[in-house]
Amino acid sequence: MDARLRRFVGVSAALTGILMVLGVYTAATGAGLTCAGRWPFCDGFLGLFPANWSSFVEWFHRLVAMVTGFVVLGTTILAWREGADRRIRLALAGATILLPSQIILGALTVTTYEWAILLAHFGTASIIFTGVALAAAWAYGPSQSQSSSEDVKRVLAVAAGLIPVLLALTPHAFVTFGPPIQAAYYLLGLGAYAALLSAAVWASPSAVSGGPSRRVRLLSAVAAAVVISLLVTGRLVYGGTLQYVSLAGGLTALALVVAAWYALRRDVGSAGSRGVPGGD
């Protein structure tokens, strides 16, 4: 793949993740409500400039959203024009198609501040992030002729390091889940999710042979699904049953990552032993 396109794909994924974290912070502080009565304007001079910190947060979120949308759109067009891998083109196209609905949902989070809309907004953002993160994983992953076992180990190690921190930051369990903690929780969660997606697509038969390859991919994919589910439902956790469900989900994700790690080690070890000639 062309280096320029690869950089654009990576920037698209990074910007989308940053935008999601910024959106969580904006919602947690209630900054969008400063513009609710005058949307698409706000409460500053002529409705075009921030009047205070809250309206600045909302305006900055809109600015990053606009830049991210154009970058994702431009990256998608570039990928199709340059004939990138079909998987990358389709992943980017899927993310791009959802951008208009995400803009509408973003407006509704300001004018109609309801949890159903906030969840739909974050859920759609999660699907968009999945598309660009998968495109980045395929763009930066090892080629078919290269062994990806070390790359898979590294991203699994990243996920294994981030998920315990997520557990410690479980909404309203051990720390006060204020806006900065929420932003940190979602930043780390999206990092773990991207790492697990990478592990799932990089654990190819060339790296890990036979059935164990499928196990590593399956375990990583299921762990990724658990993590993104925790992030989506985390907006509703205030204590009680959902809090315990969130803790259980975090422990489950960690167990799946550990299982994937050991499955990969077993795989690589068995492949290495088959390559050593016998004494007889």
C-alpha atoms as a PDB file:
ATOM      1  CA  MET A   1       0.000   0.000   0.000  1.00  0.00           C
ATOM      2  CA  ASP A   2       1.097   3.558  -0.747  1.00  0.00           C
ATOM      3  CA  ALA A   3       2.702   5.178   2.326  1.00  0.00           C
ATOM      4  CA  ARG A   4       0.560   8.294   1.972  1.00  0.00           C
ATOM      5  CA  LEU A   5      -2.665   6.294   2.011  1.00  0.00           C
ATOM      6  CA  ARG A   6      -1.457   4.257   4.973  1.00  0.00           C
ATOM      7  CA  ARG A   7      -0.823   7.472   6.915  1.00  0.00           C
ATOM      8  CA  PHE A   8      -4.284   8.787   6.045  1.00  0.00           C
ATOM      9  CA  VAL A   9      -5.886   5.553   7.244  1.00  0.00           C
ATOM     10  CA  GLY A  10      -3.958   5.750  10.518  1.00  0.00           C
ATOM     11  CA  VAL A  11      -4.887   9.405  11.023  1.00  0.00           C
ATOM     12  CA  SER A  12      -8.552   8.626  10.290  1.00  0.00           C
ATOM     13  CA  ALA A  13      -8.603   5.944  12.981  1.00  0.00           C
ATOM     14  CA  ALA A  14      -6.794   8.156  15.511  1.00  0.00           C
ATOM     15  CA  LEU A  15      -9.033  11.170  14.865  1.00  0.00           C
ATOM     16  CA  THR A  16     -12.190   9.066  15.127  1.00  0.00           C
ATOM     17  CA  GLY A  17     -11.088   7.701  18.495  1.00  0.00           C
ATOM     18  CA  ILE A  18     -10.147  11.172  19.765  1.00  0.00           C
ATOM     19  CA  LEU A  19     -13.493  12.533  18.588  1.00  0.00           C
ATOM     20  CA  MET A  20     -15.361   9.813  20.477  1.00  0.00           C
ATOM     21  CA  VAL A  21     -13.467  10.571  23.688  1.00  0.00           C
ATOM     22  CA  LEU A  22     -14.084  14.281  23.223  1.00  0.00           C
ATOM     23  CA  GLY A  23     -17.774  13.529  22.655  1.00  0.00           C
ATOM     24  CA  VAL A  24     -17.935  11.594  25.909  1.00  0.00           C
ATOM     25  CA  TYR A  25     -16.322  14.496  27.761  1.00  0.00           C
ATOM     26  CA  THR A  26     -18.688  16.990  26.107  1.00  0.00           C
ATOM     27  CA  ALA A  27     -21.742  14.951  27.101  1.00  0.00           C
ATOM     28  CA  ALA A  28     -20.443  14.334  30.629  1.00  0.00           C
ATOM     29  CA  THR A  29     -19.957  18.052  31.255  1.00  0.00           C
ATOM     30  CA  GLY A  30     -23.302  18.909  29.664  1.00  0.00           C
ATOM     31  CA  ALA A  31     -21.476  21.365  27.403  1.00  0.00           C
ATOM     32  CA  GLY A  32     -23.824  20.708  24.495  1.00  0.00           C
ATOM     33  CA  LEU A  33     -26.727  22.105  26.513  1.00  0.00           C
ATOM     34  CA  THR A  34     -25.173  25.580  26.317  1.00  0.00           C
ATOM     35  CA  CYS A  35     -26.123  25.603  22.634  1.00  0.00           C
ATOM     36  CA  ALA A  36     -29.416  23.703  22.857  1.00  0.00           C
ATOM     37  CA  GLY A  37     -31.679  26.704  22.441  1.00  0.00           C
ATOM     38  CA  ARG A  38     -29.818  28.227  19.478  1.00  0.00           C
ATOM     39  CA  TRP A  39     -28.494  25.204  17.568  1.00  0.00           C
ATOM     40  CA  PRO A  40     -26.702  25.218  15.143  1.00  0.00           C
ATOM     41  CA  PHE A  41     -25.457  28.448  16.735  1.00  0.00           C
ATOM     42  CA  CYS A  42     -24.410  28.820  20.351  1.00  0.00           C
ATOM     43  CA  ASP A  43     -24.381  31.412  23.137  1.00  0.00           C
ATOM     44  CA  GLY A  44     -21.390  33.554  22.132  1.00  0.00           C
ATOM     45  CA  PHE A  45     -21.087  36.661  19.951  1.00  0.00           C
ATOM     46  CA  LEU A  46     -23.581  36.339  17.070  1.00  0.00           C
ATOM     47  CA  GLY A  47     -23.908  32.727  18.117  1.00  0.00           C
ATOM     48  CA  LEU A  48     -20.615  31.977  16.379  1.00  0.00           C
ATOM     49  CA  PHE A  49     -18.017  32.276  19.141  1.00  0.00           C
ATOM     50  CA  PRO A  50     -17.754  30.525  22.526  1.00  0.00           C
ATOM     51  CA  ALA A  51     -18.996  32.599  25.438  1.00  0.00           C
ATOM     52  CA  ASN A  52     -17.546  30.402  28.197  1.00  0.00           C
ATOM     53  CA  TRP A  53     -15.698  27.149  28.795  1.00  0.00           C
ATOM     54  CA  SER A  54     -18.772  24.970  28.240  1.00  0.00           C
ATOM     55  CA  SER A  55     -19.596  26.487  24.872  1.00  0.00           C
ATOM     56  CA  PHE A  56     -15.899  26.280  23.916  1.00  0.00           C
ATOM     57  CA  VAL A  57     -15.971  22.527  24.609  1.00  0.00           C
ATOM     58  CA  GLU A  58     -19.047  22.158  22.402  1.00  0.00           C
ATOM     59  CA  TRP A  59     -17.553  24.264  19.596  1.00  0.00           C
ATOM     60  CA  PHE A  60     -14.228  22.425  19.774  1.00  0.00           C
ATOM     61  CA  HIS A  61     -16.070  19.108  19.589  1.00  0.00           C
ATOM     62  CA  ARG A  62     -17.860  20.319  16.472  1.00  0.00           C
ATOM     63  CA  LEU A  63     -14.575  21.472  14.928  1.00  0.00           C
ATOM     64  CA  VAL A  64     -12.890  18.115  15.510  1.00  0.00           C
ATOM     65  CA  ALA A  65     -16.001  16.345  14.188  1.00  0.00           C
ATOM     66  CA  MET A  66     -15.892  18.384  10.982  1.00  0.00           C
ATOM     67  CA  VAL A  67     -12.169  17.753  10.445  1.00  0.00           C
ATOM     68  CA  THR A  68     -12.567  14.042  11.203  1.00  0.00           C
ATOM     69  CA  GLY A  69     -15.484  13.693   8.809  1.00  0.00           C
ATOM     70  CA  PHE A  70     -13.567  15.277   5.940  1.00  0.00           C
ATOM     71  CA  VAL A  71     -10.456  13.199   6.680  1.00  0.00           C
ATOM     72  CA  VAL A  72     -12.442   9.938   6.709  1.00  0.00           C
ATOM     73  CA  LEU A  73     -14.248  10.927   3.510  1.00  0.00           C
ATOM     74  CA  GLY A  74     -11.009  11.942   1.801  1.00  0.00           C
ATOM     75  CA  THR A  75      -9.286   8.738   2.905  1.00  0.00           C
ATOM     76  CA  THR A  76     -12.145   6.654   1.528  1.00  0.00           C
ATOM     77  CA  ILE A  77     -12.017   8.419  -1.834  1.00  0.00           C
ATOM     78  CA  LEU A  78      -8.221   8.036  -1.955  1.00  0.00           C
ATOM     79  CA  ALA A  79      -8.450   4.325  -1.099  1.00  0.00           C
ATOM     80  CA  TRP A  80     -10.897   3.685  -3.943  1.00  0.00           C
ATOM     81  CA  ARG A  81      -8.954   5.814  -6.424  1.00  0.00           C
ATOM     82  CA  GLU A  82      -5.685   4.015  -5.670  1.00  0.00           C
ATOM     83  CA  GLY A  83      -7.242   0.563  -5.668  1.00  0.00           C
ATOM     84  CA  ALA A  84      -6.400  -0.326  -2.082  1.00  0.00           C
ATOM     85  CA  ASP A  85      -7.128  -3.764  -0.683  1.00  0.00           C
ATOM     86  CA  ARG A  86     -10.840  -4.548  -1.042  1.00  0.00           C
ATOM     87  CA  ARG A  87     -11.264  -5.069   2.700  1.00  0.00           C
ATOM     88  CA  ILE A  88      -9.848  -1.617   3.420  1.00  0.00           C
ATOM     89  CA  ARG A  89     -12.050   0.037   0.808  1.00  0.00           C
ATOM     90  CA  LEU A  90     -15.195  -1.630   2.122  1.00  0.00           C
ATOM     91  CA  ALA A  91     -14.374  -0.858   5.769  1.00  0.00           C
ATOM     92  CA  LEU A  92     -13.786   2.810   4.971  1.00  0.00           C
ATOM     93  CA  ALA A  93     -16.874   2.986   2.757  1.00  0.00           C
ATOM     94  CA  GLY A  94     -19.030   1.542   5.540  1.00  0.00           C
ATOM     95  CA  ALA A  95     -17.703   4.141   7.980  1.00  0.00           C
ATOM     96  CA  THR A  96     -18.249   6.963   5.489  1.00  0.00           C
ATOM     97  CA  ILE A  97     -21.831   5.952   4.714  1.00  0.00           C
ATOM     98  CA  LEU A  98     -22.708   6.348   8.400  1.00  0.00           C
ATOM     99  CA  LEU A  99     -21.305   9.880   8.693  1.00  0.00           C
ATOM    100  CA  PRO A 100     -24.551  11.711   7.713  1.00  0.00           C
ATOM    101  CA  SER A 101     -26.616   9.793  10.276  1.00  0.00           C
ATOM    102  CA  GLN A 102     -23.955  10.499  12.896  1.00  0.00           C
ATOM    103  CA  ILE A 103     -24.182  14.231  12.156  1.00  0.00           C
ATOM    104  CA  ILE A 104     -27.960  14.115  12.643  1.00  0.00           C
ATOM    105  CA  LEU A 105     -27.606  12.196  15.904  1.00  0.00           C
ATOM    106  CA  GLY A 106     -24.981  14.695  17.051  1.00  0.00           C
ATOM    107  CA  ALA A 107     -27.432  17.524  16.502  1.00  0.00           C
ATOM    108  CA  LEU A 108     -30.132  15.644  18.418  1.00  0.00           C
ATOM    109  CA  THR A 109     -27.823  15.166  21.417  1.00  0.00           C
ATOM    110  CA  VAL A 110     -27.766  18.969  21.700  1.00  0.00           C
ATOM    111  CA  THR A 111     -31.408  19.774  20.940  1.00  0.00           C
ATOM    112  CA  THR A 112     -32.906  16.665  22.596  1.00  0.00           C
ATOM    113  CA  TYR A 113     -30.704  15.506  25.454  1.00  0.00           C
ATOM    114  CA  GLU A 114     -32.021  11.978  26.005  1.00  0.00           C
ATOM    115  CA  TRP A 115     -30.111   8.834  26.873  1.00  0.00           C
ATOM    116  CA  ALA A 116     -31.563   6.865  23.973  1.00  0.00           C
ATOM    117  CA  ILE A 117     -30.154   9.429  21.552  1.00  0.00           C
ATOM    118  CA  LEU A 118     -26.816   9.566  23.367  1.00  0.00           C
ATOM    119  CA  LEU A 119     -26.555   5.781  23.158  1.00  0.00           C
ATOM    120  CA  ALA A 120     -27.467   5.782  19.472  1.00  0.00           C
ATOM    121  CA  HIS A 121     -24.884   8.504  18.860  1.00  0.00           C
ATOM    122  CA  PHE A 122     -22.132   6.595  20.639  1.00  0.00           C
ATOM    123  CA  GLY A 123     -23.219   3.272  19.130  1.00  0.00           C
ATOM    124  CA  THR A 124     -23.013   4.684  15.601  1.00  0.00           C
ATOM    125  CA  ALA A 125     -19.638   6.232  16.424  1.00  0.00           C
ATOM    126  CA  SER A 126     -18.475   2.804  17.598  1.00  0.00           C
ATOM    127  CA  ILE A 127     -19.423   1.249  14.262  1.00  0.00           C
ATOM    128  CA  ILE A 128     -17.597   4.020  12.392  1.00  0.00           C
ATOM    129  CA  PHE A 129     -14.547   3.535  14.616  1.00  0.00           C
ATOM    130  CA  THR A 130     -14.675  -0.207  13.989  1.00  0.00           C
ATOM    131  CA  GLY A 131     -14.543   0.432  10.244  1.00  0.00           C
ATOM    132  CA  VAL A 132     -11.568   2.781  10.325  1.00  0.00           C
ATOM    133  CA  ALA A 133      -9.764   0.709  12.982  1.00  0.00           C
ATOM    134  CA  LEU A 134     -10.121  -2.434  10.858  1.00  0.00           C
ATOM    135  CA  ALA A 135      -8.887  -0.501   7.826  1.00  0.00           C
ATOM    136  CA  ALA A 136      -5.865   0.635   9.847  1.00  0.00           C
ATOM    137  CA  ALA A 137      -5.201  -2.898  11.095  1.00  0.00           C
ATOM    138  CA  TRP A 138      -5.193  -4.230   7.540  1.00  0.00           C
ATOM    139  CA  ALA A 139      -3.113  -1.282   6.310  1.00  0.00           C
ATOM    140  CA  TYR A 140      -0.433  -1.613   8.992  1.00  0.00           C
ATOM    141  CA  GLY A 141      -0.555  -5.385   9.460  1.00  0.00           C
ATOM    142  CA  PRO A 142       2.063  -7.854   8.247  1.00  0.00           C
ATOM    143  CA  SER A 143       1.850  -9.062   4.671  1.00  0.00           C
ATOM    144  CA  GLN A 144       0.675 -12.570   3.859  1.00  0.00           C
ATOM    145  CA  SER A 145       4.304 -13.686   3.449  1.00  0.00           C
ATOM    146  CA  GLN A 146       5.355 -12.502   6.898  1.00  0.00           C
ATOM    147  CA  SER A 147       4.844 -14.151  10.257  1.00  0.00           C
ATOM    148  CA  SER A 148       2.548 -12.043  12.406  1.00  0.00           C
ATOM    149  CA  SER A 149       2.942 -13.946  15.681  1.00  0.00           C
ATOM    150  CA  GLU A 150       5.118 -11.249  17.274  1.00  0.00           C
ATOM    151  CA  ASP A 151       2.734  -8.502  16.150  1.00  0.00           C
ATOM    152  CA  VAL A 152      -0.215 -10.405  17.615  1.00  0.00           C
ATOM    153  CA  LYS A 153       1.695 -10.874  20.870  1.00  0.00           C
ATOM    154  CA  ARG A 154       2.386  -7.157  21.079  1.00  0.00           C
ATOM    155  CA  VAL A 155      -1.204  -6.037  20.569  1.00  0.00           C
ATOM    156  CA  LEU A 156      -2.478  -8.699  22.958  1.00  0.00           C
ATOM    157  CA  ALA A 157       0.026  -7.395  25.515  1.00  0.00           C
ATOM    158  CA  VAL A 158      -1.343  -3.874  24.981  1.00  0.00           C
ATOM    159  CA  ALA A 159      -4.894  -5.099  25.557  1.00  0.00           C
ATOM    160  CA  ALA A 160      -3.815  -7.094  28.605  1.00  0.00           C
ATOM    161  CA  GLY A 161      -2.238  -3.955  30.052  1.00  0.00           C
ATOM    162  CA  LEU A 162      -5.202  -1.672  29.372  1.00  0.00           C
ATOM    163  CA  ILE A 163      -8.100  -3.866  30.473  1.00  0.00           C
ATOM    164  CA  PRO A 164      -7.064  -4.017  34.176  1.00  0.00           C
ATOM    165  CA  VAL A 165      -7.016  -0.209  34.189  1.00  0.00           C
ATOM    166  CA  LEU A 166     -10.522  -0.271  32.688  1.00  0.00           C
ATOM    167  CA  LEU A 167     -11.576  -2.525  35.531  1.00  0.00           C
ATOM    168  CA  ALA A 168     -10.170  -0.055  38.048  1.00  0.00           C
ATOM    169  CA  LEU A 169     -12.084   2.745  36.309  1.00  0.00           C
ATOM    170  CA  THR A 170     -15.362   0.809  36.070  1.00  0.00           C
ATOM    171  CA  PRO A 171     -18.155   3.411  36.157  1.00  0.00           C
ATOM    172  CA  HIS A 172     -18.960   4.431  39.734  1.00  0.00           C
ATOM    173  CA  ALA A 173     -17.310   1.330  41.220  1.00  0.00           C
ATOM    174  CA  PHE A 174     -13.973   2.422  42.681  1.00  0.00           C
ATOM    175  CA  VAL A 175     -13.515   6.050  41.613  1.00  0.00           C
ATOM    176  CA  THR A 176     -15.720   9.069  41.067  1.00  0.00           C
ATOM    177  CA  PHE A 177     -16.766   8.782  37.435  1.00  0.00           C
ATOM    178  CA  GLY A 178     -16.507  12.473  36.570  1.00  0.00           C
ATOM    179  CA  PRO A 179     -15.824  13.881  33.086  1.00  0.00           C
ATOM    180  CA  PRO A 180     -12.000  13.465  33.163  1.00  0.00           C
ATOM    181  CA  ILE A 181     -12.265   9.869  34.411  1.00  0.00           C
ATOM    182  CA  GLN A 182     -14.916   9.110  31.807  1.00  0.00           C
ATOM    183  CA  ALA A 183     -12.646  10.474  29.085  1.00  0.00           C
ATOM    184  CA  ALA A 184      -9.748   8.342  30.362  1.00  0.00           C
ATOM    185  CA  TYR A 185     -11.977   5.251  30.572  1.00  0.00           C
ATOM    186  CA  TYR A 186     -13.126   5.592  26.984  1.00  0.00           C
ATOM    187  CA  LEU A 187      -9.674   6.482  25.666  1.00  0.00           C
ATOM    188  CA  LEU A 188      -8.179   3.346  27.215  1.00  0.00           C
ATOM    189  CA  GLY A 189     -11.186   1.269  26.203  1.00  0.00           C
ATOM    190  CA  LEU A 190     -10.955   2.295  22.563  1.00  0.00           C
ATOM    191  CA  GLY A 191      -7.224   1.577  22.647  1.00  0.00           C
ATOM    192  CA  ALA A 192      -7.876  -1.919  23.977  1.00  0.00           C
ATOM    193  CA  TYR A 193     -10.627  -2.447  21.401  1.00  0.00           C
ATOM    194  CA  ALA A 194      -8.372  -1.389  18.517  1.00  0.00           C
ATOM    195  CA  ALA A 195      -5.599  -3.672  19.791  1.00  0.00           C
ATOM    196  CA  LEU A 196      -7.965  -6.644  19.966  1.00  0.00           C
ATOM    197  CA  LEU A 197      -9.312  -5.964  16.477  1.00  0.00           C
ATOM    198  CA  SER A 198      -5.721  -5.934  15.235  1.00  0.00           C
ATOM    199  CA  ALA A 199      -5.004  -9.223  16.977  1.00  0.00           C
ATOM    200  CA  ALA A 200      -8.099 -10.772  15.408  1.00  0.00           C
ATOM    201  CA  VAL A 201      -7.160  -9.785  11.853  1.00  0.00           C
ATOM    202  CA  TRP A 202      -3.411 -10.390  12.208  1.00  0.00           C
ATOM    203  CA  ALA A 203      -3.696 -13.911  13.634  1.00  0.00           C
ATOM    204  CA  SER A 204      -3.563 -15.456  10.183  1.00  0.00           C
ATOM    205  CA  PRO A 205      -2.815 -19.079   9.289  1.00  0.00           C
ATOM    206  CA  SER A 206       0.670 -18.038   8.160  1.00  0.00           C
ATOM    207  CA  ALA A 207       1.452 -17.026  11.739  1.00  0.00           C
ATOM    208  CA  VAL A 208      -0.374 -19.707  13.658  1.00  0.00           C
ATOM    209  CA  SER A 209      -1.178 -22.951  11.908  1.00  0.00           C
ATOM    210  CA  GLY A 210      -4.395 -24.935  11.755  1.00  0.00           C
ATOM    211  CA  GLY A 211      -7.075 -24.862  14.409  1.00  0.00           C
ATOM    212  CA  PRO A 212      -5.196 -22.797  17.027  1.00  0.00           C
ATOM    213  CA  SER A 213      -5.095 -19.883  14.567  1.00  0.00           C
ATOM    214  CA  ARG A 214      -8.866 -19.873  14.542  1.00  0.00           C
ATOM    215  CA  ARG A 215      -8.901 -19.989  18.339  1.00  0.00           C
ATOM    216  CA  VAL A 216      -6.643 -16.943  18.650  1.00  0.00           C
ATOM    217  CA  ARG A 217      -8.739 -15.005  16.171  1.00  0.00           C
ATOM    218  CA  LEU A 218     -12.008 -16.053  17.803  1.00  0.00           C
ATOM    219  CA  LEU A 219     -10.842 -15.256  21.341  1.00  0.00           C
ATOM    220  CA  SER A 220      -9.515 -11.850  20.264  1.00  0.00           C
ATOM    221  CA  ALA A 221     -12.695 -11.032  18.348  1.00  0.00           C
ATOM    222  CA  VAL A 222     -14.959 -12.026  21.249  1.00  0.00           C
ATOM    223  CA  ALA A 223     -12.815 -10.006  23.672  1.00  0.00           C
ATOM    224  CA  ALA A 224     -13.106  -7.012  21.329  1.00  0.00           C
ATOM    225  CA  ALA A 225     -16.901  -7.424  21.233  1.00  0.00           C
ATOM    226  CA  VAL A 226     -17.024  -7.517  25.037  1.00  0.00           C
ATOM    227  CA  VAL A 227     -14.900  -4.372  25.366  1.00  0.00           C
ATOM    228  CA  ILE A 228     -16.945  -2.307  22.911  1.00  0.00           C
ATOM    229  CA  SER A 229     -20.144  -3.530  24.581  1.00  0.00           C
ATOM    230  CA  LEU A 230     -18.790  -2.290  27.913  1.00  0.00           C
ATOM    231  CA  LEU A 231     -18.066   1.099  26.381  1.00  0.00           C
ATOM    232  CA  VAL A 232     -21.518   1.422  24.824  1.00  0.00           C
ATOM    233  CA  THR A 233     -23.406   0.321  27.934  1.00  0.00           C
ATOM    234  CA  GLY A 234     -21.037   2.225  30.229  1.00  0.00           C
ATOM    235  CA  ARG A 235     -23.083   5.359  29.595  1.00  0.00           C
ATOM    236  CA  LEU A 236     -25.923   3.744  31.578  1.00  0.00           C
ATOM    237  CA  VAL A 237     -23.946   2.408  34.544  1.00  0.00           C
ATOM    238  CA  TYR A 238     -24.701   4.239  37.770  1.00  0.00           C
ATOM    239  CA  GLY A 239     -24.517   1.356  40.214  1.00  0.00           C
ATOM    240  CA  GLY A 240     -26.497  -1.729  41.113  1.00  0.00           C
ATOM    241  CA  THR A 241     -26.817  -4.614  38.664  1.00  0.00           C
ATOM    242  CA  LEU A 242     -25.246  -2.853  35.673  1.00  0.00           C
ATOM    243  CA  GLN A 243     -22.184  -2.060  37.737  1.00  0.00           C
ATOM    244  CA  TYR A 244     -21.652  -5.751  38.505  1.00  0.00           C
ATOM    245  CA  VAL A 245     -22.315  -6.613  34.871  1.00  0.00           C
ATOM    246  CA  SER A 246     -19.646  -4.100  33.844  1.00  0.00           C
ATOM    247  CA  LEU A 247     -17.145  -5.579  36.284  1.00  0.00           C
ATOM    248  CA  ALA A 248     -17.936  -9.095  35.093  1.00  0.00           C
ATOM    249  CA  GLY A 249     -17.549  -7.970  31.486  1.00  0.00           C
ATOM    250  CA  GLY A 250     -14.138  -6.500  32.182  1.00  0.00           C
ATOM    251  CA  LEU A 251     -12.991  -9.696  33.888  1.00  0.00           C
ATOM    252  CA  THR A 252     -14.354 -11.744  30.995  1.00  0.00           C
ATOM    253  CA  ALA A 253     -12.483  -9.609  28.452  1.00  0.00           C
ATOM    254  CA  LEU A 254      -9.261  -9.991  30.435  1.00  0.00           C
ATOM    255  CA  ALA A 255      -9.720 -13.770  30.666  1.00  0.00           C
ATOM    256  CA  LEU A 256     -10.287 -13.983  26.909  1.00  0.00           C
ATOM    257  CA  VAL A 257      -7.115 -11.983  26.218  1.00  0.00           C
ATOM    258  CA  VAL A 258      -5.085 -14.243  28.509  1.00  0.00           C
ATOM    259  CA  ALA A 259      -6.568 -17.307  26.802  1.00  0.00           C
ATOM    260  CA  ALA A 260      -5.686 -15.880  23.379  1.00  0.00           C
ATOM    261  CA  TRP A 261      -2.137 -15.203  24.574  1.00  0.00           C
ATOM    262  CA  TYR A 262      -1.643 -18.776  25.770  1.00  0.00           C
ATOM    263  CA  ALA A 263      -3.257 -20.202  22.638  1.00  0.00           C
ATOM    264  CA  LEU A 264      -0.816 -18.177  20.540  1.00  0.00           C
ATOM    265  CA  ARG A 265       2.169 -19.331  22.610  1.00  0.00           C
ATOM    266  CA  ARG A 266       1.051 -22.917  22.262  1.00  0.00           C
ATOM    267  CA  ASP A 267       0.658 -22.426  18.550  1.00  0.00           C
ATOM    268  CA  VAL A 268       4.084 -20.941  18.007  1.00  0.00           C
ATOM    269  CA  GLY A 269       5.676 -23.563  20.264  1.00  0.00           C
ATOM    270  CA  SER A 270       4.066 -26.466  18.448  1.00  0.00           C
ATOM    271  CA  ALA A 271       5.007 -24.989  15.075  1.00  0.00           C
ATOM    272  CA  GLY A 272       8.606 -24.635  16.243  1.00  0.00           C
ATOM    273  CA  SER A 273       8.791 -28.208  17.551  1.00  0.00           C
ATOM    274  CA  ARG A 274       7.531 -29.537  14.238  1.00  0.00           C
ATOM    275  CA  GLY A 275      10.373 -27.722  12.507  1.00  0.00           C
ATOM    276  CA  VAL A 276      13.106 -29.473  14.543  1.00  0.00           C
ATOM    277  CA  PRO A 277      14.375 -32.703  12.949  1.00  0.00           C
ATOM    278  CA  GLY A 278      14.086 -35.822  15.083  1.00  0.00           C
ATOM    279  CA  GLY A 279      17.108 -37.696  16.419  1.00  0.00           C
ATOM    280  CA  ASP A 280      16.282 -40.824  14.451  1.00  0.00           C
END
